Amino acid sequence: MVSARTPRHYVYVSIGSNLAPEQHVARALRELAQRFGEVLVLPIVKTEPCDIHSEHAFFNTLVIFAARESAETIKEWFNQLEAEHGRDRNDPLRSQKDRTLDLDILHISPELSMATMSAFDEPYTQVCIEALTSPQNTQHITLGNLQLGHRPATVYTNDGSSHVFIIEDTLDRLLQRFETTLHREQGLA
């Protein structure tokens, strides 16, 4: 059981889609923000399919959020989201096919650190990280009536109205703001 006393940890996640990616990545970001609060989003990049044969390019990004739930609980929810977006979770060949949404937990840590991401070796994760300094192949998506994707951003929703808010800034400032918010919530700031 998760309680307010359960310590939060940082969850590093890759998001990918190559079927209606603008729609599915935007919807997934909204759903993540509604469940976990603030979500730090790296630039969204267009990449060639990796380990599947497809004519459809992917939109990929990396996100970080703070959570109290276990990795198993989060992964279970991710599987549910993928199914709600139209992915057949029961297909044994699903990893070799086009997908509306693919959510993968890359790492969970009690510390927030960009150095953690340098260990991610999948080509699509590296392209997202490289886009922080060299924004080639970045793509924008529309979330509500706001656009994001070319720069790092924090996405969050207003609990009362469920409106989506996006803050774009430098990665260092976003990380500092993200960590300060978490510490304030835990009573450490």
C-alpha atoms as a PDB file:
ATOM      1  CA  MET A   1       0.000   0.000   0.000  1.00  0.00           C
ATOM      2  CA  VAL A   2       1.296   3.444  -0.921  1.00  0.00           C
ATOM      3  CA  SER A   3       0.954   6.207   1.645  1.00  0.00           C
ATOM      4  CA  ALA A   4       2.088   9.813   1.964  1.00  0.00           C
ATOM      5  CA  ARG A   5       4.951   8.465   4.089  1.00  0.00           C
ATOM      6  CA  THR A   6       6.246   6.215   1.322  1.00  0.00           C
ATOM      7  CA  PRO A   7       9.369   7.918  -0.045  1.00  0.00           C
ATOM      8  CA  ARG A   8       9.238   9.172  -3.595  1.00  0.00           C
ATOM      9  CA  HIS A   9      11.691   8.075  -6.224  1.00  0.00           C
ATOM     10  CA  TYR A  10      12.457   9.375  -9.695  1.00  0.00           C
ATOM     11  CA  VAL A  11      11.210   7.288 -12.590  1.00  0.00           C
ATOM     12  CA  TYR A  12      12.986   7.632 -15.953  1.00  0.00           C
ATOM     13  CA  VAL A  13      10.759   6.544 -18.843  1.00  0.00           C
ATOM     14  CA  SER A  14      10.967   6.354 -22.627  1.00  0.00           C
ATOM     15  CA  ILE A  15       7.871   7.125 -24.675  1.00  0.00           C
ATOM     16  CA  GLY A  16       7.557   6.071 -28.288  1.00  0.00           C
ATOM     17  CA  SER A  17       4.865   5.949 -30.955  1.00  0.00           C
ATOM     18  CA  ASN A  18       4.868   5.433 -34.709  1.00  0.00           C
ATOM     19  CA  LEU A  19       1.126   5.291 -35.368  1.00  0.00           C
ATOM     20  CA  ALA A  20      -0.516   8.729 -35.017  1.00  0.00           C
ATOM     21  CA  PRO A  21       2.410   9.728 -32.774  1.00  0.00           C
ATOM     22  CA  GLU A  22       1.357  13.363 -32.307  1.00  0.00           C
ATOM     23  CA  GLN A  23      -1.929  12.212 -30.805  1.00  0.00           C
ATOM     24  CA  HIS A  24      -0.630   9.340 -28.680  1.00  0.00           C
ATOM     25  CA  VAL A  25       2.467  11.045 -27.241  1.00  0.00           C
ATOM     26  CA  ALA A  26       0.402  14.124 -26.308  1.00  0.00           C
ATOM     27  CA  ARG A  27      -2.291  12.006 -24.672  1.00  0.00           C
ATOM     28  CA  ALA A  28       0.302   9.940 -22.775  1.00  0.00           C
ATOM     29  CA  LEU A  29       1.974  13.096 -21.426  1.00  0.00           C
ATOM     30  CA  ARG A  30      -1.397  14.387 -20.205  1.00  0.00           C
ATOM     31  CA  GLU A  31      -2.158  11.033 -18.547  1.00  0.00           C
ATOM     32  CA  LEU A  32       1.268  10.931 -16.856  1.00  0.00           C
ATOM     33  CA  ALA A  33       0.830  14.484 -15.546  1.00  0.00           C
ATOM     34  CA  GLN A  34      -2.649  13.690 -14.252  1.00  0.00           C
ATOM     35  CA  ARG A  35      -1.357  10.691 -12.315  1.00  0.00           C
ATOM     36  CA  PHE A  36       2.074  11.843 -11.139  1.00  0.00           C
ATOM     37  CA  GLY A  37       1.918  15.646 -11.135  1.00  0.00           C
ATOM     38  CA  GLU A  38       4.865  17.341 -12.784  1.00  0.00           C
ATOM     39  CA  VAL A  39       6.511  15.479 -15.648  1.00  0.00           C
ATOM     40  CA  LEU A  40       9.875  16.615 -17.013  1.00  0.00           C
ATOM     41  CA  VAL A  41       9.912  16.073 -20.795  1.00  0.00           C
ATOM     42  CA  LEU A  42      13.020  16.084 -22.974  1.00  0.00           C
ATOM     43  CA  PRO A  43      12.756  17.233 -26.595  1.00  0.00           C
ATOM     44  CA  ILE A  44      10.571  15.032 -28.772  1.00  0.00           C
ATOM     45  CA  VAL A  45      12.520  13.597 -31.694  1.00  0.00           C
ATOM     46  CA  LYS A  46      11.636  11.800 -34.892  1.00  0.00           C
ATOM     47  CA  THR A  47      13.613   8.565 -35.226  1.00  0.00           C
ATOM     48  CA  GLU A  48      13.810   5.635 -37.576  1.00  0.00           C
ATOM     49  CA  PRO A  49      12.316   2.375 -36.275  1.00  0.00           C
ATOM     50  CA  CYS A  50      14.690   0.401 -34.061  1.00  0.00           C
ATOM     51  CA  ASP A  51      14.499  -3.425 -34.066  1.00  0.00           C
ATOM     52  CA  ILE A  52      11.331  -3.507 -36.193  1.00  0.00           C
ATOM     53  CA  HIS A  53      10.703  -3.310 -39.934  1.00  0.00           C
ATOM     54  CA  SER A  54       8.358  -0.406 -40.588  1.00  0.00           C
ATOM     55  CA  GLU A  55       7.890   2.515 -42.932  1.00  0.00           C
ATOM     56  CA  HIS A  56       6.544   4.642 -40.069  1.00  0.00           C
ATOM     57  CA  ALA A  57       8.993   6.865 -38.195  1.00  0.00           C
ATOM     58  CA  PHE A  58       8.738   7.107 -34.418  1.00  0.00           C
ATOM     59  CA  PHE A  59       8.284  10.085 -32.154  1.00  0.00           C
ATOM     60  CA  ASN A  60      10.384   9.427 -29.053  1.00  0.00           C
ATOM     61  CA  THR A  61      11.042  11.303 -25.856  1.00  0.00           C
ATOM     62  CA  LEU A  62      12.301  10.675 -22.353  1.00  0.00           C
ATOM     63  CA  VAL A  63      10.402  11.803 -19.290  1.00  0.00           C
ATOM     64  CA  ILE A  64      11.123  11.895 -15.581  1.00  0.00           C
ATOM     65  CA  PHE A  65       8.555  12.048 -12.805  1.00  0.00           C
ATOM     66  CA  ALA A  66       8.469  11.417  -9.076  1.00  0.00           C
ATOM     67  CA  ALA A  67       6.329   8.561  -7.764  1.00  0.00           C
ATOM     68  CA  ARG A  68       5.660   6.553  -4.642  1.00  0.00           C
ATOM     69  CA  GLU A  69       4.337   3.488  -6.467  1.00  0.00           C
ATOM     70  CA  SER A  70       6.519   0.446  -7.088  1.00  0.00           C
ATOM     71  CA  ALA A  71       8.013  -0.271 -10.499  1.00  0.00           C
ATOM     72  CA  GLU A  72       5.575  -3.182 -10.857  1.00  0.00           C
ATOM     73  CA  THR A  73       2.545  -0.972 -10.188  1.00  0.00           C
ATOM     74  CA  ILE A  74       3.761   1.676 -12.627  1.00  0.00           C
ATOM     75  CA  LYS A  75       4.523  -0.920 -15.333  1.00  0.00           C
ATOM     76  CA  GLU A  76       1.092  -2.464 -14.857  1.00  0.00           C
ATOM     77  CA  TRP A  77      -0.473   0.969 -15.360  1.00  0.00           C
ATOM     78  CA  PHE A  78       1.747   1.548 -18.429  1.00  0.00           C
ATOM     79  CA  ASN A  79       0.507  -1.743 -19.933  1.00  0.00           C
ATOM     80  CA  GLN A  80      -3.071  -0.612 -19.303  1.00  0.00           C
ATOM     81  CA  LEU A  81      -2.373   2.755 -20.992  1.00  0.00           C
ATOM     82  CA  GLU A  82      -0.796   1.049 -24.006  1.00  0.00           C
ATOM     83  CA  ALA A  83      -3.905  -1.131 -24.357  1.00  0.00           C
ATOM     84  CA  GLU A  84      -6.203   1.905 -24.021  1.00  0.00           C
ATOM     85  CA  HIS A  85      -4.223   3.546 -26.828  1.00  0.00           C
ATOM     86  CA  GLY A  86      -4.873   0.502 -29.048  1.00  0.00           C
ATOM     87  CA  ARG A  87      -1.784  -1.659 -28.580  1.00  0.00           C
ATOM     88  CA  ASP A  88      -2.485  -5.393 -28.385  1.00  0.00           C
ATOM     89  CA  ARG A  89      -0.670  -6.399 -25.193  1.00  0.00           C
ATOM     90  CA  ASN A  90      -1.548 -10.088 -25.802  1.00  0.00           C
ATOM     91  CA  ASP A  91       0.154 -10.302 -29.204  1.00  0.00           C
ATOM     92  CA  PRO A  92       3.406 -12.255 -28.717  1.00  0.00           C
ATOM     93  CA  LEU A  93       4.910 -10.365 -31.692  1.00  0.00           C
ATOM     94  CA  ARG A  94       3.908  -6.895 -30.402  1.00  0.00           C
ATOM     95  CA  SER A  95       7.544  -5.821 -29.952  1.00  0.00           C
ATOM     96  CA  GLN A  96       8.135  -6.339 -33.694  1.00  0.00           C
ATOM     97  CA  LYS A  97       5.126  -4.314 -34.860  1.00  0.00           C
ATOM     98  CA  ASP A  98       4.123  -0.683 -35.258  1.00  0.00           C
ATOM     99  CA  ARG A  99       2.690   0.756 -32.087  1.00  0.00           C
ATOM    100  CA  THR A 100       0.416   3.533 -30.967  1.00  0.00           C
ATOM    101  CA  LEU A 101       2.221   3.805 -27.647  1.00  0.00           C
ATOM    102  CA  ASP A 102       5.248   2.228 -26.010  1.00  0.00           C
ATOM    103  CA  LEU A 103       6.138   3.159 -22.421  1.00  0.00           C
ATOM    104  CA  ASP A 104       9.277   1.674 -20.879  1.00  0.00           C
ATOM    105  CA  ILE A 105      10.739   2.230 -17.430  1.00  0.00           C
ATOM    106  CA  LEU A 106      14.452   2.764 -18.002  1.00  0.00           C
ATOM    107  CA  HIS A 107      15.566   3.451 -14.430  1.00  0.00           C
ATOM    108  CA  ILE A 108      14.264   4.243 -10.950  1.00  0.00           C
ATOM    109  CA  SER A 109      16.399   6.166  -8.477  1.00  0.00           C
ATOM    110  CA  PRO A 110      16.074   8.086  -5.207  1.00  0.00           C
ATOM    111  CA  GLU A 111      18.245  10.794  -6.826  1.00  0.00           C
ATOM    112  CA  LEU A 112      17.500  13.095  -9.740  1.00  0.00           C
ATOM    113  CA  SER A 113      20.506  13.129 -12.046  1.00  0.00           C
ATOM    114  CA  MET A 114      20.979  13.729 -15.738  1.00  0.00           C
ATOM    115  CA  ALA A 115      24.115  11.575 -15.506  1.00  0.00           C
ATOM    116  CA  THR A 116      21.776   8.606 -15.100  1.00  0.00           C
ATOM    117  CA  MET A 117      20.574   9.114 -18.655  1.00  0.00           C
ATOM    118  CA  SER A 118      24.051   8.822 -20.132  1.00  0.00           C
ATOM    119  CA  ALA A 119      23.891   5.102 -19.290  1.00  0.00           C
ATOM    120  CA  PHE A 120      20.845   4.557 -21.527  1.00  0.00           C
ATOM    121  CA  ASP A 121      22.184   2.842 -24.622  1.00  0.00           C
ATOM    122  CA  GLU A 122      19.147   2.521 -26.881  1.00  0.00           C
ATOM    123  CA  PRO A 123      19.693   4.675 -30.004  1.00  0.00           C
ATOM    124  CA  TYR A 124      16.366   6.493 -29.601  1.00  0.00           C
ATOM    125  CA  THR A 125      17.200   7.465 -26.005  1.00  0.00           C
ATOM    126  CA  GLN A 126      20.554   8.877 -27.051  1.00  0.00           C
ATOM    127  CA  VAL A 127      18.933  10.965 -29.803  1.00  0.00           C
ATOM    128  CA  CYS A 128      16.568  12.480 -27.210  1.00  0.00           C
ATOM    129  CA  ILE A 129      19.501  13.351 -24.947  1.00  0.00           C
ATOM    130  CA  GLU A 130      21.529  14.783 -27.844  1.00  0.00           C
ATOM    131  CA  ALA A 131      18.549  16.990 -28.783  1.00  0.00           C
ATOM    132  CA  LEU A 132      19.124  18.920 -25.550  1.00  0.00           C
ATOM    133  CA  THR A 133      22.184  20.540 -27.134  1.00  0.00           C
ATOM    134  CA  SER A 134      21.638  19.907 -30.845  1.00  0.00           C
ATOM    135  CA  PRO A 135      17.910  20.028 -31.602  1.00  0.00           C
ATOM    136  CA  GLN A 136      17.906  18.147 -34.896  1.00  0.00           C
ATOM    137  CA  ASN A 137      14.825  16.170 -35.853  1.00  0.00           C
ATOM    138  CA  THR A 138      12.822  17.614 -32.954  1.00  0.00           C
ATOM    139  CA  GLN A 139       9.074  17.525 -33.427  1.00  0.00           C
ATOM    140  CA  HIS A 140       6.347  19.538 -31.824  1.00  0.00           C
ATOM    141  CA  ILE A 141       3.103  18.138 -30.543  1.00  0.00           C
ATOM    142  CA  THR A 142       0.017  19.943 -29.321  1.00  0.00           C
ATOM    143  CA  LEU A 143      -1.161  19.349 -25.784  1.00  0.00           C
ATOM    144  CA  GLY A 144      -4.439  21.120 -25.181  1.00  0.00           C
ATOM    145  CA  ASN A 145      -3.834  24.314 -27.141  1.00  0.00           C
ATOM    146  CA  LEU A 146      -0.118  24.452 -26.285  1.00  0.00           C
ATOM    147  CA  GLN A 147       2.861  23.177 -28.244  1.00  0.00           C
ATOM    148  CA  LEU A 148       5.970  21.491 -26.933  1.00  0.00           C
ATOM    149  CA  GLY A 149       8.723  19.249 -28.196  1.00  0.00           C
ATOM    150  CA  HIS A 150      11.622  21.395 -29.392  1.00  0.00           C
ATOM    151  CA  ARG A 151      12.969  22.176 -25.910  1.00  0.00           C
ATOM    152  CA  PRO A 152      12.866  20.502 -22.512  1.00  0.00           C
ATOM    153  CA  ALA A 153       9.641  21.244 -20.673  1.00  0.00           C
ATOM    154  CA  THR A 154       7.697  20.482 -17.540  1.00  0.00           C
ATOM    155  CA  VAL A 155       4.092  19.397 -18.066  1.00  0.00           C
ATOM    156  CA  TYR A 156       1.576  19.461 -15.259  1.00  0.00           C
ATOM    157  CA  THR A 157      -2.176  19.716 -14.788  1.00  0.00           C
ATOM    158  CA  ASN A 158      -4.238  21.876 -12.504  1.00  0.00           C
ATOM    159  CA  ASP A 159      -5.979  19.511 -10.095  1.00  0.00           C
ATOM    160  CA  GLY A 160      -9.145  21.588  -9.979  1.00  0.00           C
ATOM    161  CA  SER A 161      -9.663  22.268 -13.665  1.00  0.00           C
ATOM    162  CA  SER A 162      -7.512  19.557 -15.306  1.00  0.00           C
ATOM    163  CA  HIS A 163      -6.010  22.235 -17.564  1.00  0.00           C
ATOM    164  CA  VAL A 164      -2.558  21.405 -18.885  1.00  0.00           C
ATOM    165  CA  PHE A 165       0.336  23.772 -18.248  1.00  0.00           C
ATOM    166  CA  ILE A 166       3.710  23.658 -19.975  1.00  0.00           C
ATOM    167  CA  ILE A 167       6.867  25.400 -18.848  1.00  0.00           C
ATOM    168  CA  GLU A 168       9.764  25.441 -21.311  1.00  0.00           C
ATOM    169  CA  ASP A 169      13.176  26.509 -20.060  1.00  0.00           C
ATOM    170  CA  THR A 170      16.755  25.356 -19.909  1.00  0.00           C
ATOM    171  CA  LEU A 171      17.209  21.840 -18.612  1.00  0.00           C
ATOM    172  CA  ASP A 172      19.183  23.027 -15.567  1.00  0.00           C
ATOM    173  CA  ARG A 173      16.395  25.382 -14.482  1.00  0.00           C
ATOM    174  CA  LEU A 174      13.721  22.764 -15.068  1.00  0.00           C
ATOM    175  CA  LEU A 175      15.662  20.193 -13.033  1.00  0.00           C
ATOM    176  CA  GLN A 176      16.138  22.687 -10.215  1.00  0.00           C
ATOM    177  CA  ARG A 177      12.440  23.592 -10.217  1.00  0.00           C
ATOM    178  CA  PHE A 178      11.423  19.932 -10.434  1.00  0.00           C
ATOM    179  CA  GLU A 179      13.634  18.932  -7.490  1.00  0.00           C
ATOM    180  CA  THR A 180      12.567  21.955  -5.395  1.00  0.00           C
ATOM    181  CA  THR A 181       8.907  21.058  -5.891  1.00  0.00           C
ATOM    182  CA  LEU A 182       9.533  17.463  -4.803  1.00  0.00           C
ATOM    183  CA  HIS A 183      11.457  18.558  -1.704  1.00  0.00           C
ATOM    184  CA  ARG A 184       8.681  20.993  -0.784  1.00  0.00           C
ATOM    185  CA  GLU A 185       6.113  18.188  -1.086  1.00  0.00           C
ATOM    186  CA  GLN A 186       8.252  15.959   1.153  1.00  0.00           C
ATOM    187  CA  GLY A 187       8.772  18.749   3.694  1.00  0.00           C
ATOM    188  CA  LEU A 188      12.517  18.971   2.971  1.00  0.00           C
ATOM    189  CA  ALA A 189      12.546  22.542   1.633  1.00  0.00           C
END
